[in-house]
Amino acid sequence: EEETSLKKRKVDHQGNKDSETGQEGAEKVKKRRGRPPAEKLPP
């Protein structure tokens, strides 16, 4: 039972990690596609 629970926790952790990586990749793609922020010049 302990070994099964440990494997399940590893699978869940890996799934969460992959999900976070996918979200970060999607955010990076969105940032690249969007307009770059305007450069603030000194007066």
All heavy atoms as atom14 arrays in JSON, in Angstrom:
{
  "sequence": "EEETSLKKRKVDHQGNKDSETGQEGAEKVKKRRGRPPAEKLPP",
  "atom14_mask": [
    [1, 1, 1, 1, 1, 1, 1, 1, 1, 0, 0, 0, 0, 0],
    [1, 1, 1, 1, 1, 1, 1, 1, 1, 0, 0, 0, 0, 0],
    [1, 1, 1, 1, 1, 1, 1, 1, 1, 0, 0, 0, 0, 0],
    [1, 1, 1, 1, 1, 1, 1, 0, 0, 0, 0, 0, 0, 0],
    [1, 1, 1, 1, 1, 1, 0, 0, 0, 0, 0, 0, 0, 0],
    [1, 1, 1, 1, 1, 1, 1, 1, 0, 0, 0, 0, 0, 0],
    [1, 1, 1, 1, 1, 1, 1, 1, 1, 0, 0, 0, 0, 0],
    [1, 1, 1, 1, 1, 1, 1, 1, 1, 0, 0, 0, 0, 0],
    [1, 1, 1, 1, 1, 1, 1, 1, 1, 1, 1, 0, 0, 0],
    [1, 1, 1, 1, 1, 1, 1, 1, 1, 0, 0, 0, 0, 0],
    [1, 1, 1, 1, 1, 1, 1, 0, 0, 0, 0, 0, 0, 0],
    [1, 1, 1, 1, 1, 1, 1, 1, 0, 0, 0, 0, 0, 0],
    [1, 1, 1, 1, 1, 1, 1, 1, 1, 1, 0, 0, 0, 0],
    [1, 1, 1, 1, 1, 1, 1, 1, 1, 0, 0, 0, 0, 0],
    [1, 1, 1, 1, 0, 0, 0, 0, 0, 0, 0, 0, 0, 0],
    [1, 1, 1, 1, 1, 1, 1, 1, 0, 0, 0, 0, 0, 0],
    [1, 1, 1, 1, 1, 1, 1, 1, 1, 0, 0, 0, 0, 0],
    [1, 1, 1, 1, 1, 1, 1, 1, 0, 0, 0, 0, 0, 0],
    [1, 1, 1, 1, 1, 1, 0, 0, 0, 0, 0, 0, 0, 0],
    [1, 1, 1, 1, 1, 1, 1, 1, 1, 0, 0, 0, 0, 0],
    [1, 1, 1, 1, 1, 1, 1, 0, 0, 0, 0, 0, 0, 0],
    [1, 1, 1, 1, 0, 0, 0, 0, 0, 0, 0, 0, 0, 0],
    [1, 1, 1, 1, 1, 1, 1, 1, 1, 0, 0, 0, 0, 0],
    [1, 1, 1, 1, 1, 1, 1, 1, 1, 0, 0, 0, 0, 0],
    [1, 1, 1, 1, 0, 0, 0, 0, 0, 0, 0, 0, 0, 0],
    [1, 1, 1, 1, 1, 0, 0, 0, 0, 0, 0, 0, 0, 0],
    [1, 1, 1, 1, 1, 1, 1, 1, 1, 0, 0, 0, 0, 0],
    [1, 1, 1, 1, 1, 1, 1, 1, 1, 0, 0, 0, 0, 0],
    [1, 1, 1, 1, 1, 1, 1, 0, 0, 0, 0, 0, 0, 0],
    [1, 1, 1, 1, 1, 1, 1, 1, 1, 0, 0, 0, 0, 0],
    [1, 1, 1, 1, 1, 1, 1, 1, 1, 0, 0, 0, 0, 0],
    [1, 1, 1, 1, 1, 1, 1, 1, 1, 1, 1, 0, 0, 0],
    [1, 1, 1, 1, 1, 1, 1, 1, 1, 1, 1, 0, 0, 0],
    [1, 1, 1, 1, 0, 0, 0, 0, 0, 0, 0, 0, 0, 0],
    [1, 1, 1, 1, 1, 1, 1, 1, 1, 1, 1, 0, 0, 0],
    [1, 1, 1, 1, 1, 1, 1, 0, 0, 0, 0, 0, 0, 0],
    [1, 1, 1, 1, 1, 1, 1, 0, 0, 0, 0, 0, 0, 0],
    [1, 1, 1, 1, 1, 0, 0, 0, 0, 0, 0, 0, 0, 0],
    [1, 1, 1, 1, 1, 1, 1, 1, 1, 0, 0, 0, 0, 0],
    [1, 1, 1, 1, 1, 1, 1, 1, 1, 0, 0, 0, 0, 0],
    [1, 1, 1, 1, 1, 1, 1, 1, 0, 0, 0, 0, 0, 0],
    [1, 1, 1, 1, 1, 1, 1, 0, 0, 0, 0, 0, 0, 0],
    [1, 1, 1, 1, 1, 1, 1, 0, 0, 0, 0, 0, 0, 0]
  ],
  "atom14_positions": [
    [[0.83, -1.2, 0.0], [0.0, 0.0, 0.0], [0.86, 1.26, 0.0], [0.58, 2.23, -0.71], [-0.92, -0.01, 1.22], [-2.02, -1.06, 1.15], [-2.89, -1.05, 2.38], [-2.58, -0.25, 3.31], [-3.85, -1.82, 2.45], [0.0, 0.0, 0.0], [0.0, 0.0, 0.0], [0.0, 0.0, 0.0], [0.0, 0.0, 0.0], [0.0, 0.0, 0.0]],
    [[1.92, 1.26, 0.81], [2.82, 2.42, 0.86], [3.5, 2.65, -0.48], [3.64, 3.78, -0.96], [3.86, 2.22, 1.96], [4.76, 3.44, 2.15], [5.74, 3.23, 3.29], [5.65, 2.17, 3.95], [6.55, 4.13, 3.51], [0.0, 0.0, 0.0], [0.0, 0.0, 0.0], [0.0, 0.0, 0.0], [0.0, 0.0, 0.0], [0.0, 0.0, 0.0]],
    [[3.94, 1.54, -1.12], [4.6, 1.67, -2.43], [3.62, 2.19, -3.47], [3.95, 3.05, -4.29], [5.15, 0.31, -2.85], [5.95, 0.35, -4.14], [6.54, -1.0, -4.48], [6.35, -1.94, -3.68], [7.17, -1.13, -5.54], [0.0, 0.0, 0.0], [0.0, 0.0, 0.0], [0.0, 0.0, 0.0], [0.0, 0.0, 0.0], [0.0, 0.0, 0.0]],
    [[2.39, 1.7, -3.42], [1.37, 2.17, -4.38], [1.08, 3.65, -4.17], [0.95, 4.43, -5.13], [0.08, 1.35, -4.21], [0.37, -0.04, -4.38], [-0.97, 1.79, -5.21], [0.0, 0.0, 0.0], [0.0, 0.0, 0.0], [0.0, 0.0, 0.0], [0.0, 0.0, 0.0], [0.0, 0.0, 0.0], [0.0, 0.0, 0.0], [0.0, 0.0, 0.0]],
    [[0.97, 4.05, -2.88], [0.72, 5.46, -2.58], [1.87, 6.35, -3.06], [1.67, 7.44, -3.59], [0.51, 5.63, -1.07], [0.33, 6.99, -0.75], [0.0, 0.0, 0.0], [0.0, 0.0, 0.0], [0.0, 0.0, 0.0], [0.0, 0.0, 0.0], [0.0, 0.0, 0.0], [0.0, 0.0, 0.0], [0.0, 0.0, 0.0], [0.0, 0.0, 0.0]],
    [[3.12, 5.87, -2.87], [4.28, 6.64, -3.31], [4.28, 6.81, -4.82], [4.55, 7.9, -5.36], [5.55, 5.93, -2.84], [6.88, 6.62, -3.21], [6.93, 8.02, -2.59], [8.06, 5.78, -2.74], [0.0, 0.0, 0.0], [0.0, 0.0, 0.0], [0.0, 0.0, 0.0], [0.0, 0.0, 0.0], [0.0, 0.0, 0.0], [0.0, 0.0, 0.0]],
    [[3.98, 5.72, -5.55], [3.93, 5.82, -7.01], [2.85, 6.79, -7.45], [3.03, 7.57, -8.4], [3.65, 4.44, -7.59], [4.83, 3.47, -7.5], [4.49, 2.14, -8.14], [5.67, 1.17, -8.07], [5.35, -0.13, -8.69], [0.0, 0.0, 0.0], [0.0, 0.0, 0.0], [0.0, 0.0, 0.0], [0.0, 0.0, 0.0], [0.0, 0.0, 0.0]],
    [[1.71, 6.76, -6.75], [0.63, 7.66, -7.12], [1.03, 9.12, -6.89], [0.73, 10.0, -7.71], [-0.6, 7.31, -6.27], [-1.83, 8.1, -6.67], [-3.04, 7.64, -5.87], [-4.27, 8.45, -6.28], [-5.47, 8.05, -5.49], [0.0, 0.0, 0.0], [0.0, 0.0, 0.0], [0.0, 0.0, 0.0], [0.0, 0.0, 0.0], [0.0, 0.0, 0.0]],
    [[1.74, 9.37, -5.77], [2.18, 10.74, -5.51], [3.17, 11.21, -6.57], [3.14, 12.36, -7.01], [2.81, 10.82, -4.11], [1.79, 10.76, -2.99], [2.39, 11.29, -1.69], [3.54, 10.5, -1.26], [3.48, 9.45, -0.45], [2.29, 9.05, 0.01], [4.57, 8.81, -0.12], [0.0, 0.0, 0.0], [0.0, 0.0, 0.0], [0.0, 0.0, 0.0]],
    [[4.07, 10.31, -7.0], [5.02, 10.67, -8.05], [4.31, 11.0, -9.36], [4.65, 11.96, -10.05], [6.01, 9.52, -8.27], [7.02, 9.36, -7.15], [8.01, 8.25, -7.48], [9.06, 8.11, -6.38], [10.02, 7.03, -6.7], [0.0, 0.0, 0.0], [0.0, 0.0, 0.0], [0.0, 0.0, 0.0], [0.0, 0.0, 0.0], [0.0, 0.0, 0.0]],
    [[3.32, 10.19, -9.68], [2.57, 10.43, -10.92], [1.85, 11.76, -10.85], [1.84, 12.55, -11.8], [1.59, 9.28, -11.18], [0.65, 9.63, -12.34], [2.35, 8.0, -11.5], [0.0, 0.0, 0.0], [0.0, 0.0, 0.0], [0.0, 0.0, 0.0], [0.0, 0.0, 0.0], [0.0, 0.0, 0.0], [0.0, 0.0, 0.0], [0.0, 0.0, 0.0]],
    [[1.22, 12.03, -9.69], [0.5, 13.3, -9.53], [1.45, 14.49, -9.62], [1.16, 15.51, -10.25], [-0.24, 13.32, -8.19], [-1.37, 12.29, -8.15], [-1.81, 11.87, -9.24], [-1.8, 11.93, -7.02], [0.0, 0.0, 0.0], [0.0, 0.0, 0.0], [0.0, 0.0, 0.0], [0.0, 0.0, 0.0], [0.0, 0.0, 0.0], [0.0, 0.0, 0.0]],
    [[2.64, 14.36, -8.98], [3.63, 15.45, -9.01], [4.13, 15.7, -10.43], [4.25, 16.83, -10.87], [4.79, 15.09, -8.09], [5.88, 16.13, -8.09], [5.71, 17.37, -7.52], [7.14, 16.1, -8.61], [6.81, 18.07, -7.69], [7.7, 17.32, -8.34], [0.0, 0.0, 0.0], [0.0, 0.0, 0.0], [0.0, 0.0, 0.0], [0.0, 0.0, 0.0]],
    [[4.39, 14.6, -11.15], [4.85, 14.74, -12.53], [3.77, 15.39, -13.4], [4.05, 16.22, -14.27], [5.25, 13.37, -13.09], [5.85, 13.42, -14.49], [7.2, 14.13, -14.49], [7.89, 14.14, -13.47], [7.56, 14.75, -15.61], [0.0, 0.0, 0.0], [0.0, 0.0, 0.0], [0.0, 0.0, 0.0], [0.0, 0.0, 0.0], [0.0, 0.0, 0.0]],
    [[2.51, 14.98, -13.15], [1.41, 15.58, -13.91], [1.28, 17.07, -13.64], [1.08, 17.86, -14.57], [0.0, 0.0, 0.0], [0.0, 0.0, 0.0], [0.0, 0.0, 0.0], [0.0, 0.0, 0.0], [0.0, 0.0, 0.0], [0.0, 0.0, 0.0], [0.0, 0.0, 0.0], [0.0, 0.0, 0.0], [0.0, 0.0, 0.0], [0.0, 0.0, 0.0]],
    [[1.41, 17.46, -12.36], [1.34, 18.89, -12.03], [2.49, 19.66, -12.65], [2.33, 20.79, -13.13], [1.36, 19.07, -10.51], [0.11, 18.52, -9.85], [-0.94, 18.46, -10.48], [0.22, 18.1, -8.59], [0.0, 0.0, 0.0], [0.0, 0.0, 0.0], [0.0, 0.0, 0.0], [0.0, 0.0, 0.0], [0.0, 0.0, 0.0], [0.0, 0.0, 0.0]],
    [[3.68, 19.04, -12.64], [4.85, 19.69, -13.22], [4.67, 19.9, -14.72], [4.98, 20.95, -15.27], [6.1, 18.85, -12.95], [7.4, 19.54, -13.34], [8.59, 18.69, -12.93], [9.89, 19.38, -13.31], [11.05, 18.57, -12.92], [0.0, 0.0, 0.0], [0.0, 0.0, 0.0], [0.0, 0.0, 0.0], [0.0, 0.0, 0.0], [0.0, 0.0, 0.0]],
    [[4.16, 18.85, -15.4], [3.91, 18.98, -16.85], [2.86, 20.03, -17.13], [2.96, 20.79, -18.1], [3.48, 17.62, -17.41], [4.58, 16.59, -17.34], [5.76, 17.0, -17.22], [4.28, 15.38, -17.39], [0.0, 0.0, 0.0], [0.0, 0.0, 0.0], [0.0, 0.0, 0.0], [0.0, 0.0, 0.0], [0.0, 0.0, 0.0], [0.0, 0.0, 0.0]],
    [[1.86, 20.11, -16.26], [0.82, 21.11, -16.45], [1.36, 22.51, -16.29], [1.07, 23.42, -17.08], [-0.32, 20.87, -15.45], [-1.31, 21.86, -15.58], [0.0, 0.0, 0.0], [0.0, 0.0, 0.0], [0.0, 0.0, 0.0], [0.0, 0.0, 0.0], [0.0, 0.0, 0.0], [0.0, 0.0, 0.0], [0.0, 0.0, 0.0], [0.0, 0.0, 0.0]],
    [[2.22, 22.71, -15.25], [2.82, 24.03, -15.06], [3.73, 24.39, -16.22], [3.75, 25.52, -16.7], [3.61, 24.04, -13.75], [2.74, 23.93, -12.51], [3.57, 23.86, -11.25], [4.82, 23.84, -11.38], [2.98, 23.82, -10.15], [0.0, 0.0, 0.0], [0.0, 0.0, 0.0], [0.0, 0.0, 0.0], [0.0, 0.0, 0.0], [0.0, 0.0, 0.0]],
    [[4.5, 23.41, -16.71], [5.37, 23.67, -17.85], [4.55, 24.05, -19.08], [4.91, 24.96, -19.84], [6.22, 22.43, -18.16], [6.94, 22.05, -16.98], [7.2, 22.72, -19.28], [0.0, 0.0, 0.0], [0.0, 0.0, 0.0], [0.0, 0.0, 0.0], [0.0, 0.0, 0.0], [0.0, 0.0, 0.0], [0.0, 0.0, 0.0], [0.0, 0.0, 0.0]],
    [[3.44, 23.36, -19.27], [2.58, 23.69, -20.41], [2.0, 25.09, -20.28], [1.93, 25.84, -21.26], [0.0, 0.0, 0.0], [0.0, 0.0, 0.0], [0.0, 0.0, 0.0], [0.0, 0.0, 0.0], [0.0, 0.0, 0.0], [0.0, 0.0, 0.0], [0.0, 0.0, 0.0], [0.0, 0.0, 0.0], [0.0, 0.0, 0.0], [0.0, 0.0, 0.0]],
    [[1.61, 25.48, -19.06], [1.08, 26.82, -18.85], [2.14, 27.88, -19.1], [1.88, 28.92, -19.71], [0.52, 26.94, -17.44], [-0.75, 26.12, -17.21], [-1.22, 26.24, -15.78], [-0.59, 26.88, -14.95], [-2.36, 25.6, -15.5], [0.0, 0.0, 0.0], [0.0, 0.0, 0.0], [0.0, 0.0, 0.0], [0.0, 0.0, 0.0], [0.0, 0.0, 0.0]],
    [[3.37, 27.63, -18.6], [4.45, 28.58, -18.83], [4.75, 28.71, -20.32], [4.98, 29.8, -20.83], [5.71, 28.13, -18.09], [5.59, 28.23, -16.58], [6.83, 27.73, -15.88], [7.75, 27.26, -16.61], [6.89, 27.8, -14.64], [0.0, 0.0, 0.0], [0.0, 0.0, 0.0], [0.0, 0.0, 0.0], [0.0, 0.0, 0.0], [0.0, 0.0, 0.0]],
    [[4.74, 27.59, -21.04], [4.99, 27.66, -22.48], [3.9, 28.44, -23.19], [4.18, 29.23, -24.09], [0.0, 0.0, 0.0], [0.0, 0.0, 0.0], [0.0, 0.0, 0.0], [0.0, 0.0, 0.0], [0.0, 0.0, 0.0], [0.0, 0.0, 0.0], [0.0, 0.0, 0.0], [0.0, 0.0, 0.0], [0.0, 0.0, 0.0], [0.0, 0.0, 0.0]],
    [[2.65, 28.23, -22.76], [1.55, 28.97, -23.37], [1.67, 30.46, -23.1], [1.43, 31.29, -23.97], [0.22, 28.44, -22.84], [0.0, 0.0, 0.0], [0.0, 0.0, 0.0], [0.0, 0.0, 0.0], [0.0, 0.0, 0.0], [0.0, 0.0, 0.0], [0.0, 0.0, 0.0], [0.0, 0.0, 0.0], [0.0, 0.0, 0.0], [0.0, 0.0, 0.0]],
    [[2.07, 30.81, -21.85], [2.25, 32.23, -21.53], [3.37, 32.83, -22.35], [3.28, 33.96, -22.81], [2.55, 32.37, -20.04], [1.34, 32.05, -19.15], [1.68, 32.15, -17.69], [2.86, 32.42, -17.38], [0.77, 31.97, -16.85], [0.0, 0.0, 0.0], [0.0, 0.0, 0.0], [0.0, 0.0, 0.0], [0.0, 0.0, 0.0], [0.0, 0.0, 0.0]],
    [[4.48, 32.09, -22.55], [5.58, 32.6, -23.36], [5.13, 32.83, -24.79], [5.48, 33.82, -25.42], [6.76, 31.63, -23.32], [7.49, 31.61, -21.99], [8.65, 30.65, -22.04], [9.41, 30.63, -20.72], [10.55, 29.68, -20.77], [0.0, 0.0, 0.0], [0.0, 0.0, 0.0], [0.0, 0.0, 0.0], [0.0, 0.0, 0.0], [0.0, 0.0, 0.0]],
    [[4.34, 31.89, -25.32], [3.84, 32.06, -26.69], [2.95, 33.28, -26.78], [3.03, 34.07, -27.73], [3.08, 30.79, -27.12], [2.37, 31.04, -28.45], [4.04, 29.62, -27.25], [0.0, 0.0, 0.0], [0.0, 0.0, 0.0], [0.0, 0.0, 0.0], [0.0, 0.0, 0.0], [0.0, 0.0, 0.0], [0.0, 0.0, 0.0], [0.0, 0.0, 0.0]],
    [[2.09, 33.47, -25.77], [1.23, 34.64, -25.77], [2.05, 35.93, -25.71], [1.76, 36.91, -26.38], [0.27, 34.58, -24.59], [-0.8, 33.51, -24.75], [-1.74, 33.53, -23.55], [-2.82, 32.47, -23.7], [-3.73, 32.44, -22.52], [0.0, 0.0, 0.0], [0.0, 0.0, 0.0], [0.0, 0.0, 0.0], [0.0, 0.0, 0.0], [0.0, 0.0, 0.0]],
    [[3.09, 35.94, -24.88], [3.93, 37.13, -24.77], [4.64, 37.42, -26.08], [4.79, 38.56, -26.49], [4.95, 36.95, -23.64], [4.33, 36.98, -22.25], [5.38, 36.82, -21.18], [4.77, 36.87, -19.79], [5.81, 36.69, -18.74], [0.0, 0.0, 0.0], [0.0, 0.0, 0.0], [0.0, 0.0, 0.0], [0.0, 0.0, 0.0], [0.0, 0.0, 0.0]],
    [[5.1, 36.38, -26.76], [5.79, 36.59, -28.03], [4.85, 37.12, -29.1], [5.21, 37.94, -29.91], [6.43, 35.28, -28.48], [7.61, 34.84, -27.63], [8.11, 33.49, -28.08], [9.19, 32.99, -27.23], [9.73, 31.79, -27.32], [9.25, 30.94, -28.23], [10.7, 31.41, -26.52], [0.0, 0.0, 0.0], [0.0, 0.0, 0.0], [0.0, 0.0, 0.0]],
    [[3.62, 36.63, -29.08], [2.67, 37.04, -30.09], [2.16, 38.46, -29.85], [1.77, 39.15, -30.77], [1.49, 36.07, -30.11], [1.84, 34.68, -30.66], [0.64, 33.77, -30.62], [0.95, 32.44, -31.13], [0.11, 31.42, -31.14], [-1.12, 31.59, -30.64], [0.47, 30.25, -31.63], [0.0, 0.0, 0.0], [0.0, 0.0, 0.0], [0.0, 0.0, 0.0]],
    [[2.1, 38.88, -28.58], [1.57, 40.21, -28.27], [2.54, 41.32, -28.66], [3.7, 41.1, -29.01], [0.0, 0.0, 0.0], [0.0, 0.0, 0.0], [0.0, 0.0, 0.0], [0.0, 0.0, 0.0], [0.0, 0.0, 0.0], [0.0, 0.0, 0.0], [0.0, 0.0, 0.0], [0.0, 0.0, 0.0], [0.0, 0.0, 0.0], [0.0, 0.0, 0.0]],
    [[2.04, 42.55, -28.61], [2.85, 43.72, -28.91], [3.85, 43.97, -27.78], [3.47, 43.92, -26.61], [1.95, 44.94, -29.1], [2.7, 46.21, -29.47], [1.74, 47.35, -29.69], [0.86, 47.09, -30.83], [-0.1, 47.93, -31.21], [-0.32, 49.05, -30.52], [-0.85, 47.62, -32.26], [0.0, 0.0, 0.0], [0.0, 0.0, 0.0], [0.0, 0.0, 0.0]],
    [[5.1, 44.23, -28.07], [6.08, 44.48, -27.0], [5.74, 45.75, -26.24], [5.15, 46.68, -26.8], [7.41, 44.63, -27.77], [7.0, 45.01, -29.16], [5.7, 44.33, -29.41], [0.0, 0.0, 0.0], [0.0, 0.0, 0.0], [0.0, 0.0, 0.0], [0.0, 0.0, 0.0], [0.0, 0.0, 0.0], [0.0, 0.0, 0.0], [0.0, 0.0, 0.0]],
    [[6.08, 45.81, -24.95], [5.74, 47.0, -24.17], [6.49, 48.23, -24.69], [7.62, 48.14, -25.15], [6.22, 46.63, -22.75], [7.24, 45.55, -22.96], [6.79, 44.79, -24.17], [0.0, 0.0, 0.0], [0.0, 0.0, 0.0], [0.0, 0.0, 0.0], [0.0, 0.0, 0.0], [0.0, 0.0, 0.0], [0.0, 0.0, 0.0], [0.0, 0.0, 0.0]],
    [[5.81, 49.36, -24.63], [6.41, 50.6, -25.12], [7.56, 51.03, -24.22], [7.49, 50.93, -22.99], [5.35, 51.7, -25.16], [0.0, 0.0, 0.0], [0.0, 0.0, 0.0], [0.0, 0.0, 0.0], [0.0, 0.0, 0.0], [0.0, 0.0, 0.0], [0.0, 0.0, 0.0], [0.0, 0.0, 0.0], [0.0, 0.0, 0.0], [0.0, 0.0, 0.0]],
    [[8.61, 51.48, -24.85], [9.79, 51.91, -24.11], [9.54, 53.3, -23.52], [9.12, 54.22, -24.22], [11.0, 51.97, -25.05], [12.29, 52.37, -24.35], [13.45, 52.43, -25.32], [13.22, 52.16, -26.52], [14.57, 52.75, -24.89], [0.0, 0.0, 0.0], [0.0, 0.0, 0.0], [0.0, 0.0, 0.0], [0.0, 0.0, 0.0], [0.0, 0.0, 0.0]],
    [[9.75, 53.42, -22.24], [9.54, 54.69, -21.56], [10.81, 55.52, -21.63], [11.85, 55.15, -21.08], [9.14, 54.45, -20.11], [8.67, 55.71, -19.4], [8.15, 55.39, -18.02], [7.63, 56.64, -17.34], [7.14, 56.35, -15.97], [0.0, 0.0, 0.0], [0.0, 0.0, 0.0], [0.0, 0.0, 0.0], [0.0, 0.0, 0.0], [0.0, 0.0, 0.0]],
    [[10.73, 56.65, -22.32], [11.89, 57.49, -22.53], [11.96, 58.57, -21.46], [10.93, 59.02, -20.95], [11.83, 58.14, -23.91], [11.83, 57.17, -25.1], [11.59, 57.93, -26.4], [13.13, 56.4, -25.18], [0.0, 0.0, 0.0], [0.0, 0.0, 0.0], [0.0, 0.0, 0.0], [0.0, 0.0, 0.0], [0.0, 0.0, 0.0], [0.0, 0.0, 0.0]],
    [[13.17, 59.01, -21.12], [13.28, 60.13, -20.18], [12.73, 61.4, -20.79], [12.78, 61.58, -22.01], [14.8, 60.23, -19.94], [15.42, 59.61, -21.15], [14.48, 58.53, -21.58], [0.0, 0.0, 0.0], [0.0, 0.0, 0.0], [0.0, 0.0, 0.0], [0.0, 0.0, 0.0], [0.0, 0.0, 0.0], [0.0, 0.0, 0.0], [0.0, 0.0, 0.0]],
    [[12.15, 62.29, -20.0], [11.56, 63.51, -20.55], [12.59, 64.42, -21.18], [13.75, 64.49, -20.74], [10.9, 64.16, -19.32], [11.64, 63.61, -18.15], [12.04, 62.22, -18.53], [0.0, 0.0, 0.0], [0.0, 0.0, 0.0], [0.0, 0.0, 0.0], [0.0, 0.0, 0.0], [0.0, 0.0, 0.0], [0.0, 0.0, 0.0], [0.0, 0.0, 0.0]]
  ]
}
